[in-house]
């Protein structure tokens, strides 16, 4: 589920898809580009996360058809299940798990604090902005110390946002 506002944004998204899907055409396939935009807008509104959504291109327009789209963050992908609710192109979409974006500010802070504690040096740490919070996700942050870049490999060790990071040598 996308959250508490899911129902209201879903209705708006469904109407948008219905209107765009039927404009000037009697095709038997859905306008999945409109569905991609609607899903991305819902995720942005509900999670303040910018995603790139990809859906299959050739989906027949028929009530009951179910297909999967993928919302990609800077790091990680979130599957979205789409169900056609009627033959006119109206759809609903959801995921059984919550979309959670990792708190990157805490990761940057933790890496910077480790450098300060261990090396007594101040740093500026940069990480990807939108990272899916999910066990096993890996990404790289870079600490700038005295004008030199030091990469850190970061691994999410659970679904609660706990990470392990290790500086590369």
N, C-alpha and C. Protein backbone atom coordinates (compact mmCIF):
# COMPACT_ATOMS: atom_id res chain seq x y z
N UNK A 1 0.84 -1.18 0.00
CA UNK A 1 0.00 0.00 0.00
C UNK A 1 0.89 1.24 0.00
N UNK A 2 0.41 2.30 -0.60
CA UNK A 2 1.20 3.51 -0.65
C UNK A 2 1.02 4.38 0.58
N UNK A 3 0.03 4.18 1.39
CA UNK A 3 -0.14 4.97 2.60
C UNK A 3 -1.58 5.44 2.75
N UNK A 4 -1.76 6.34 3.71
CA UNK A 4 -3.10 6.80 4.03
C UNK A 4 -3.74 7.58 2.89
N UNK A 5 -2.93 8.33 2.15
CA UNK A 5 -3.48 9.12 1.07
C UNK A 5 -3.64 8.31 -0.21
N UNK A 6 -3.34 7.02 -0.16
CA UNK A 6 -3.39 6.16 -1.33
C UNK A 6 -4.74 6.19 -2.01
N UNK A 7 -5.81 6.12 -1.24
CA UNK A 7 -7.14 6.03 -1.84
C UNK A 7 -7.47 7.28 -2.64
N UNK A 8 -7.23 8.48 -2.09
CA UNK A 8 -7.58 9.70 -2.82
C UNK A 8 -6.68 9.89 -4.03
N UNK A 9 -5.39 9.66 -3.91
CA UNK A 9 -4.51 9.84 -5.06
C UNK A 9 -4.74 8.75 -6.09
N UNK A 10 -5.15 7.59 -5.64
CA UNK A 10 -5.44 6.49 -6.55
C UNK A 10 -6.63 6.84 -7.44
N UNK A 11 -7.65 7.45 -6.86
CA UNK A 11 -8.83 7.84 -7.63
C UNK A 11 -8.43 8.86 -8.68
N UNK A 12 -7.65 9.88 -8.29
CA UNK A 12 -7.19 10.88 -9.24
C UNK A 12 -6.37 10.22 -10.33
N UNK A 13 -5.46 9.33 -9.94
CA UNK A 13 -4.62 8.65 -10.91
C UNK A 13 -5.45 7.81 -11.86
N UNK A 14 -6.43 7.11 -11.33
CA UNK A 14 -7.28 6.27 -12.18
C UNK A 14 -8.04 7.11 -13.19
N UNK A 15 -8.56 8.26 -12.76
CA UNK A 15 -9.29 9.12 -13.67
C UNK A 15 -8.35 9.65 -14.74
N UNK A 16 -7.14 10.02 -14.35
CA UNK A 16 -6.15 10.50 -15.30
C UNK A 16 -5.86 9.43 -16.33
N UNK A 17 -5.64 8.22 -15.88
CA UNK A 17 -5.36 7.13 -16.80
C UNK A 17 -6.55 6.89 -17.71
N UNK A 18 -7.74 6.94 -17.18
CA UNK A 18 -8.94 6.71 -17.98
C UNK A 18 -9.04 7.77 -19.07
N UNK A 19 -8.85 9.03 -18.70
CA UNK A 19 -8.96 10.11 -19.68
C UNK A 19 -7.86 10.02 -20.73
N UNK A 20 -6.63 9.82 -20.31
CA UNK A 20 -5.52 9.76 -21.26
C UNK A 20 -5.54 8.48 -22.07
N UNK A 21 -5.99 7.40 -21.49
CA UNK A 21 -6.00 6.12 -22.18
C UNK A 21 -7.01 6.08 -23.31
N UNK A 22 -8.07 6.86 -23.23
CA UNK A 22 -9.09 6.77 -24.24
C UNK A 22 -9.10 7.90 -25.24
N UNK A 23 -8.19 8.85 -25.15
CA UNK A 23 -8.20 10.01 -26.01
C UNK A 23 -7.97 9.65 -27.47
N UNK A 24 -8.95 9.92 -28.32
CA UNK A 24 -8.81 9.81 -29.75
C UNK A 24 -8.47 8.44 -30.27
N UNK A 25 -8.73 7.40 -29.52
CA UNK A 25 -8.31 6.09 -29.98
C UNK A 25 -9.23 5.03 -29.44
N UNK A 26 -9.42 4.01 -30.23
CA UNK A 26 -10.21 2.87 -29.79
C UNK A 26 -9.31 1.64 -29.72
N UNK A 27 -8.08 1.83 -29.31
CA UNK A 27 -7.13 0.73 -29.29
C UNK A 27 -7.49 -0.26 -28.21
N UNK A 28 -7.00 -1.43 -28.36
CA UNK A 28 -7.24 -2.49 -27.39
C UNK A 28 -6.09 -2.64 -26.41
N UNK A 29 -5.18 -1.67 -26.39
CA UNK A 29 -4.08 -1.70 -25.42
C UNK A 29 -4.15 -0.46 -24.54
N UNK A 30 -3.57 -0.59 -23.37
CA UNK A 30 -3.55 0.52 -22.42
C UNK A 30 -2.47 1.53 -22.77
N UNK A 31 -2.69 2.76 -22.34
CA UNK A 31 -1.65 3.78 -22.42
C UNK A 31 -0.81 3.65 -21.15
N UNK A 32 0.19 2.76 -21.20
CA UNK A 32 0.97 2.51 -19.98
C UNK A 32 1.86 3.69 -19.61
N UNK A 33 2.17 4.56 -20.57
CA UNK A 33 2.96 5.76 -20.23
C UNK A 33 2.19 6.63 -19.24
N UNK A 34 0.88 6.74 -19.41
CA UNK A 34 0.05 7.51 -18.47
C UNK A 34 0.03 6.85 -17.10
N UNK A 35 0.00 5.53 -17.08
CA UNK A 35 0.02 4.79 -15.81
C UNK A 35 1.36 5.02 -15.11
N UNK A 36 2.44 5.00 -15.87
CA UNK A 36 3.77 5.26 -15.29
C UNK A 36 3.81 6.63 -14.63
N UNK A 37 3.30 7.64 -15.33
CA UNK A 37 3.29 9.00 -14.77
C UNK A 37 2.43 9.07 -13.51
N UNK A 38 1.27 8.42 -13.54
CA UNK A 38 0.37 8.45 -12.38
C UNK A 38 1.01 7.79 -11.16
N UNK A 39 1.67 6.65 -11.36
CA UNK A 39 2.34 5.97 -10.25
C UNK A 39 3.47 6.85 -9.71
N UNK A 40 4.28 7.42 -10.60
CA UNK A 40 5.39 8.27 -10.16
C UNK A 40 4.87 9.48 -9.38
N UNK A 41 3.76 10.08 -9.83
CA UNK A 41 3.18 11.22 -9.12
C UNK A 41 2.66 10.82 -7.75
N UNK A 42 2.05 9.64 -7.65
CA UNK A 42 1.56 9.15 -6.36
C UNK A 42 2.71 8.95 -5.38
N UNK A 43 3.79 8.34 -5.86
CA UNK A 43 4.94 8.09 -4.99
C UNK A 43 5.57 9.40 -4.55
N UNK A 44 5.68 10.37 -5.46
CA UNK A 44 6.24 11.67 -5.11
C UNK A 44 5.36 12.36 -4.06
N UNK A 45 4.05 12.35 -4.26
CA UNK A 45 3.13 13.02 -3.33
C UNK A 45 3.12 12.35 -1.96
N UNK A 46 3.19 11.03 -1.93
CA UNK A 46 3.03 10.32 -0.67
C UNK A 46 4.33 10.04 0.06
N UNK A 47 5.45 10.00 -0.66
CA UNK A 47 6.73 9.64 -0.04
C UNK A 47 7.84 10.65 -0.30
N UNK A 48 7.52 11.70 -1.03
CA UNK A 48 8.51 12.70 -1.41
C UNK A 48 9.73 12.04 -2.06
N UNK A 49 9.47 11.02 -2.86
CA UNK A 49 10.53 10.29 -3.54
C UNK A 49 10.31 10.37 -5.05
N UNK A 50 11.34 10.81 -5.74
CA UNK A 50 11.29 10.85 -7.20
C UNK A 50 11.69 9.49 -7.73
N UNK A 51 10.85 8.94 -8.59
CA UNK A 51 11.12 7.63 -9.17
C UNK A 51 10.95 7.68 -10.67
N UNK A 52 11.54 6.71 -11.32
CA UNK A 52 11.32 6.48 -12.75
C UNK A 52 10.54 5.17 -12.82
N UNK A 53 9.32 5.23 -13.34
CA UNK A 53 8.45 4.06 -13.37
C UNK A 53 8.44 3.47 -14.78
N UNK A 54 8.57 2.15 -14.83
CA UNK A 54 8.51 1.44 -16.11
C UNK A 54 7.43 0.38 -16.04
N UNK A 55 6.57 0.37 -17.04
CA UNK A 55 5.50 -0.64 -17.18
C UNK A 55 5.69 -1.32 -18.53
N UNK A 56 5.11 -2.50 -18.68
CA UNK A 56 5.16 -3.15 -19.99
C UNK A 56 4.49 -2.26 -21.04
N UNK A 57 4.96 -2.29 -22.27
CA UNK A 57 4.41 -1.45 -23.33
C UNK A 57 3.12 -2.00 -23.92
N UNK A 58 3.02 -3.27 -24.11
CA UNK A 58 1.85 -3.87 -24.75
C UNK A 58 1.00 -4.61 -23.72
N UNK A 59 0.01 -3.93 -23.18
CA UNK A 59 -0.91 -4.55 -22.21
C UNK A 59 -2.31 -4.41 -22.79
N UNK A 60 -2.97 -5.54 -22.97
CA UNK A 60 -4.33 -5.49 -23.53
C UNK A 60 -5.27 -4.81 -22.54
N UNK A 61 -6.22 -4.08 -23.09
CA UNK A 61 -7.19 -3.37 -22.26
C UNK A 61 -8.36 -4.31 -22.02
N UNK A 62 -8.42 -4.85 -20.80
CA UNK A 62 -9.45 -5.81 -20.44
C UNK A 62 -9.55 -5.89 -18.92
N UNK A 63 -10.75 -5.83 -18.40
CA UNK A 63 -10.96 -5.91 -16.95
C UNK A 63 -10.32 -7.18 -16.40
N UNK A 64 -9.66 -7.04 -15.27
CA UNK A 64 -9.05 -8.19 -14.60
C UNK A 64 -7.61 -8.47 -14.96
N UNK A 65 -7.10 -7.82 -16.01
CA UNK A 65 -5.70 -8.03 -16.38
C UNK A 65 -4.82 -7.43 -15.29
N UNK A 66 -3.82 -8.19 -14.88
CA UNK A 66 -2.88 -7.75 -13.84
C UNK A 66 -1.49 -7.75 -14.44
N UNK A 67 -0.74 -6.68 -14.20
CA UNK A 67 0.65 -6.61 -14.67
C UNK A 67 1.48 -5.84 -13.65
N UNK A 68 2.79 -5.95 -13.81
CA UNK A 68 3.71 -5.34 -12.85
C UNK A 68 4.47 -4.20 -13.50
N UNK A 69 4.56 -3.11 -12.75
CA UNK A 69 5.41 -1.98 -13.13
C UNK A 69 6.52 -1.91 -12.09
N UNK A 70 7.59 -1.21 -12.41
CA UNK A 70 8.71 -1.08 -11.49
C UNK A 70 9.03 0.39 -11.30
N UNK A 71 9.03 0.84 -10.04
CA UNK A 71 9.42 2.20 -9.69
C UNK A 71 10.88 2.16 -9.24
N UNK A 72 11.74 2.84 -9.98
CA UNK A 72 13.17 2.84 -9.67
C UNK A 72 13.57 4.14 -8.97
N UNK A 73 14.24 3.96 -7.83
CA UNK A 73 14.81 5.08 -7.11
C UNK A 73 16.26 5.22 -7.57
N UNK A 74 17.03 6.15 -6.99
CA UNK A 74 18.45 6.24 -7.33
C UNK A 74 19.12 4.90 -7.07
N UNK A 75 18.73 4.25 -5.97
CA UNK A 75 19.22 2.92 -5.63
C UNK A 75 18.02 2.10 -5.19
N UNK A 76 17.78 0.99 -5.86
CA UNK A 76 16.69 0.09 -5.50
C UNK A 76 15.48 0.26 -6.39
N UNK A 77 14.71 -0.81 -6.48
CA UNK A 77 13.50 -0.83 -7.30
C UNK A 77 12.34 -1.37 -6.47
N UNK A 78 11.17 -0.80 -6.70
CA UNK A 78 9.97 -1.12 -5.95
C UNK A 78 8.90 -1.62 -6.93
N UNK A 79 8.47 -2.88 -6.80
CA UNK A 79 7.46 -3.39 -7.73
C UNK A 79 6.07 -2.85 -7.38
N UNK A 80 5.30 -2.56 -8.41
CA UNK A 80 3.94 -2.06 -8.24
C UNK A 80 3.02 -2.95 -9.07
N UNK A 81 2.05 -3.53 -8.41
CA UNK A 81 1.09 -4.41 -9.08
C UNK A 81 -0.09 -3.57 -9.57
N UNK A 82 -0.39 -3.66 -10.86
CA UNK A 82 -1.46 -2.88 -11.48
C UNK A 82 -2.56 -3.83 -11.92
N UNK A 83 -3.80 -3.47 -11.60
CA UNK A 83 -4.96 -4.28 -11.98
C UNK A 83 -5.93 -3.41 -12.77
N UNK A 84 -6.33 -3.89 -13.94
CA UNK A 84 -7.34 -3.18 -14.72
C UNK A 84 -8.70 -3.46 -14.08
N UNK A 85 -9.41 -2.41 -13.74
CA UNK A 85 -10.69 -2.59 -13.05
C UNK A 85 -11.89 -2.58 -13.99
N UNK A 86 -11.67 -2.14 -15.26
CA UNK A 86 -12.74 -2.22 -16.25
C UNK A 86 -12.14 -2.24 -17.65
N UNK A 87 -12.97 -2.41 -18.66
CA UNK A 87 -12.50 -2.48 -20.04
C UNK A 87 -12.16 -1.11 -20.62
N UNK A 88 -12.45 -0.05 -19.88
CA UNK A 88 -12.23 1.30 -20.38
C UNK A 88 -10.85 1.86 -20.07
N UNK A 89 -9.99 1.10 -19.43
CA UNK A 89 -8.65 1.59 -19.13
C UNK A 89 -8.44 2.05 -17.70
N UNK A 90 -9.45 1.93 -16.86
CA UNK A 90 -9.30 2.32 -15.46
C UNK A 90 -8.48 1.26 -14.74
N UNK A 91 -7.55 1.70 -13.89
CA UNK A 91 -6.68 0.77 -13.17
C UNK A 91 -6.59 1.14 -11.70
N UNK A 92 -6.16 0.19 -10.90
CA UNK A 92 -5.76 0.45 -9.52
C UNK A 92 -4.37 -0.14 -9.38
N UNK A 93 -3.60 0.38 -8.44
CA UNK A 93 -2.26 -0.16 -8.25
C UNK A 93 -1.90 -0.14 -6.78
N UNK A 94 -1.03 -1.10 -6.42
CA UNK A 94 -0.64 -1.25 -5.02
C UNK A 94 0.59 -2.14 -4.92
N UNK A 95 1.09 -2.24 -3.72
CA UNK A 95 2.15 -3.18 -3.38
C UNK A 95 1.84 -3.66 -1.98
N UNK A 96 2.09 -4.93 -1.72
CA UNK A 96 1.76 -5.48 -0.40
C UNK A 96 2.72 -4.98 0.68
N UNK A 97 3.88 -4.48 0.28
CA UNK A 97 4.81 -3.93 1.27
C UNK A 97 4.88 -2.41 1.11
N UNK A 98 5.18 -1.75 2.21
CA UNK A 98 5.28 -0.29 2.20
C UNK A 98 6.54 0.17 1.48
N UNK A 99 6.44 1.26 0.77
CA UNK A 99 7.61 1.89 0.18
C UNK A 99 8.24 2.78 1.25
N UNK A 100 9.49 2.47 1.61
CA UNK A 100 10.20 3.28 2.60
C UNK A 100 11.52 3.71 1.98
N UNK A 101 11.78 5.00 2.06
CA UNK A 101 13.03 5.56 1.55
C UNK A 101 13.98 5.70 2.74
N UNK A 102 15.20 5.20 2.57
CA UNK A 102 16.22 5.24 3.62
C UNK A 102 16.54 6.68 4.02
N UNK A 103 16.76 6.91 5.30
CA UNK A 103 17.11 8.23 5.80
C UNK A 103 18.59 8.48 5.52
N UNK A 104 18.87 9.03 4.36
CA UNK A 104 20.25 9.23 3.91
C UNK A 104 20.99 10.24 4.78
N UNK A 105 20.29 11.21 5.33
CA UNK A 105 20.96 12.20 6.19
C UNK A 105 21.62 11.50 7.38
N UNK A 106 20.96 10.50 7.95
CA UNK A 106 21.55 9.76 9.08
C UNK A 106 22.79 8.98 8.64
N UNK A 107 22.77 8.43 7.44
CA UNK A 107 23.92 7.68 6.94
C UNK A 107 25.11 8.62 6.74
N UNK A 108 24.86 9.77 6.12
CA UNK A 108 25.94 10.76 5.91
C UNK A 108 26.52 11.20 7.25
N UNK A 109 25.62 11.45 8.21
CA UNK A 109 26.06 11.87 9.55
C UNK A 109 26.91 10.80 10.22
N UNK A 110 26.48 9.55 10.13
CA UNK A 110 27.20 8.46 10.78
C UNK A 110 28.60 8.28 10.18
N UNK A 111 28.70 8.35 8.88
CA UNK A 111 30.01 8.21 8.24
C UNK A 111 30.90 9.38 8.64
N UNK A 112 30.36 10.59 8.59
CA UNK A 112 31.15 11.77 8.99
C UNK A 112 31.60 11.69 10.44
N UNK A 113 30.73 11.22 11.33
CA UNK A 113 31.09 11.09 12.76
C UNK A 113 32.17 10.03 12.94
N UNK A 114 32.12 8.95 12.18
CA UNK A 114 33.16 7.91 12.27
C UNK A 114 34.53 8.45 11.86
N UNK A 115 34.54 9.23 10.79
CA UNK A 115 35.80 9.81 10.32
C UNK A 115 36.35 10.77 11.37
N UNK A 116 35.48 11.59 11.94
CA UNK A 116 35.90 12.54 12.97
C UNK A 116 36.42 11.81 14.20
N UNK A 117 35.73 10.78 14.63
CA UNK A 117 36.11 10.02 15.82
C UNK A 117 37.42 9.25 15.61
N UNK A 118 37.57 8.62 14.45
CA UNK A 118 38.74 7.77 14.21
C UNK A 118 39.96 8.54 13.71
N UNK A 119 39.76 9.53 12.87
CA UNK A 119 40.88 10.25 12.24
C UNK A 119 41.01 11.69 12.70
N UNK A 120 40.04 12.16 13.47
CA UNK A 120 40.02 13.55 13.94
C UNK A 120 40.03 14.54 12.79
N UNK A 121 39.29 14.17 11.71
CA UNK A 121 39.19 15.01 10.52
C UNK A 121 37.73 15.27 10.21
N UNK A 122 37.45 16.49 9.77
CA UNK A 122 36.10 16.83 9.34
C UNK A 122 35.93 16.42 7.88
N UNK A 123 34.70 16.07 7.53
CA UNK A 123 34.44 15.62 6.17
C UNK A 123 33.07 16.09 5.70
N UNK A 124 32.88 15.99 4.41
CA UNK A 124 31.58 16.20 3.80
C UNK A 124 31.25 14.90 3.09
N UNK A 125 30.08 14.32 3.38
CA UNK A 125 29.73 13.01 2.84
C UNK A 125 28.56 13.16 1.88
N UNK A 126 28.71 12.55 0.71
CA UNK A 126 27.65 12.54 -0.30
C UNK A 126 27.22 11.10 -0.56
N UNK A 127 25.92 10.89 -0.65
CA UNK A 127 25.33 9.57 -0.93
C UNK A 127 24.21 9.76 -1.95
N UNK A 128 23.77 8.69 -2.61
CA UNK A 128 22.60 8.82 -3.48
C UNK A 128 21.42 9.37 -2.68
N UNK A 129 20.60 10.19 -3.29
CA UNK A 129 19.51 10.87 -2.57
C UNK A 129 18.34 9.95 -2.23
N UNK A 130 17.93 9.11 -3.15
CA UNK A 130 16.74 8.28 -2.96
C UNK A 130 17.16 6.82 -2.97
N UNK A 131 17.19 6.21 -1.79
CA UNK A 131 17.60 4.81 -1.66
C UNK A 131 16.46 4.04 -1.01
N UNK A 132 16.08 2.93 -1.64
CA UNK A 132 15.04 2.07 -1.09
C UNK A 132 15.53 1.46 0.22
N UNK A 133 14.71 1.56 1.26
CA UNK A 133 15.06 0.93 2.54
C UNK A 133 14.62 -0.53 2.48
N UNK A 134 15.62 -1.41 2.31
CA UNK A 134 15.34 -2.83 2.16
C UNK A 134 16.62 -3.61 2.45
N UNK A 135 16.51 -4.68 3.20
CA UNK A 135 17.68 -5.50 3.52
C UNK A 135 18.39 -5.93 2.25
N UNK A 136 19.72 -5.83 2.29
CA UNK A 136 20.53 -6.29 1.17
C UNK A 136 20.87 -5.23 0.14
N UNK A 137 20.21 -4.07 0.17
CA UNK A 137 20.51 -3.02 -0.80
C UNK A 137 21.91 -2.48 -0.52
N UNK A 138 22.68 -2.29 -1.59
CA UNK A 138 24.06 -1.79 -1.47
C UNK A 138 24.22 -0.52 -2.30
N UNK A 139 25.02 0.38 -1.79
CA UNK A 139 25.33 1.61 -2.53
C UNK A 139 26.63 2.19 -2.00
N UNK A 140 27.11 3.24 -2.65
CA UNK A 140 28.38 3.87 -2.27
C UNK A 140 28.15 5.32 -1.89
N UNK A 141 28.77 5.72 -0.79
CA UNK A 141 28.83 7.12 -0.39
C UNK A 141 30.28 7.56 -0.52
N UNK A 142 30.48 8.85 -0.70
CA UNK A 142 31.84 9.37 -0.84
C UNK A 142 32.06 10.47 0.18
N UNK A 143 33.14 10.32 0.96
CA UNK A 143 33.51 11.33 1.95
C UNK A 143 34.64 12.17 1.37
N UNK A 144 34.47 13.47 1.42
CA UNK A 144 35.53 14.39 1.00
C UNK A 144 36.25 14.87 2.25
N UNK A 145 37.55 14.58 2.31
CA UNK A 145 38.38 14.96 3.45
C UNK A 145 39.61 15.67 2.89
N UNK A 146 39.77 16.93 3.27
CA UNK A 146 40.91 17.73 2.80
C UNK A 146 41.08 17.66 1.29
N UNK A 147 39.95 17.75 0.56
CA UNK A 147 39.98 17.77 -0.89
C UNK A 147 40.17 16.42 -1.56
N UNK A 148 40.20 15.37 -0.79
CA UNK A 148 40.39 14.02 -1.35
C UNK A 148 39.13 13.18 -1.11
N UNK A 149 38.75 12.39 -2.11
CA UNK A 149 37.53 11.58 -2.03
C UNK A 149 37.84 10.18 -1.51
N UNK A 150 37.01 9.73 -0.56
CA UNK A 150 37.14 8.40 0.02
C UNK A 150 35.79 7.68 -0.10
N UNK A 151 35.72 6.62 -0.90
CA UNK A 151 34.45 5.90 -1.05
C UNK A 151 34.17 4.98 0.14
N UNK A 152 32.90 4.86 0.46
CA UNK A 152 32.42 3.95 1.51
C UNK A 152 31.36 3.05 0.91
N UNK A 153 31.54 1.74 1.04
CA UNK A 153 30.54 0.78 0.62
C UNK A 153 29.53 0.64 1.75
N UNK A 154 28.26 0.83 1.43
CA UNK A 154 27.19 0.79 2.42
C UNK A 154 26.25 -0.37 2.06
N UNK A 155 25.91 -1.18 3.08
CA UNK A 155 24.98 -2.30 2.89
C UNK A 155 23.89 -2.20 3.94
N UNK A 156 22.65 -2.28 3.50
CA UNK A 156 21.52 -2.29 4.44
C UNK A 156 21.43 -3.70 5.01
N UNK A 157 21.51 -3.80 6.34
CA UNK A 157 21.54 -5.13 6.96
C UNK A 157 20.17 -5.63 7.39
N UNK A 158 19.16 -4.76 7.36
CA UNK A 158 17.80 -5.19 7.67
C UNK A 158 16.82 -4.21 7.02
N UNK A 159 15.55 -4.47 7.18
CA UNK A 159 14.52 -3.62 6.58
C UNK A 159 14.18 -2.41 7.45
N UNK A 160 14.85 -2.28 8.60
CA UNK A 160 14.57 -1.19 9.53
C UNK A 160 15.48 0.01 9.33
N UNK A 161 16.34 -0.02 8.32
CA UNK A 161 17.21 1.12 8.03
C UNK A 161 18.58 1.04 8.67
N UNK A 162 18.93 -0.10 9.28
CA UNK A 162 20.27 -0.27 9.83
C UNK A 162 21.23 -0.62 8.71
N UNK A 163 22.41 -0.01 8.74
CA UNK A 163 23.39 -0.24 7.69
C UNK A 163 24.75 -0.58 8.28
N UNK A 164 25.58 -1.16 7.44
CA UNK A 164 26.98 -1.38 7.75
C UNK A 164 27.74 -0.64 6.65
N UNK A 165 28.77 0.10 7.02
CA UNK A 165 29.56 0.80 6.00
C UNK A 165 31.04 0.53 6.26
N UNK A 166 31.77 0.51 5.17
CA UNK A 166 33.20 0.21 5.24
C UNK A 166 33.91 1.07 4.22
N UNK A 167 34.93 1.80 4.67
CA UNK A 167 35.72 2.61 3.75
C UNK A 167 36.62 1.71 2.90
N UNK A 168 36.68 2.04 1.61
CA UNK A 168 37.59 1.30 0.72
C UNK A 168 39.00 1.85 0.88
N UNK A 169 39.93 0.99 0.69
CA UNK A 169 41.35 1.43 0.77
C UNK A 169 41.92 1.62 -0.60
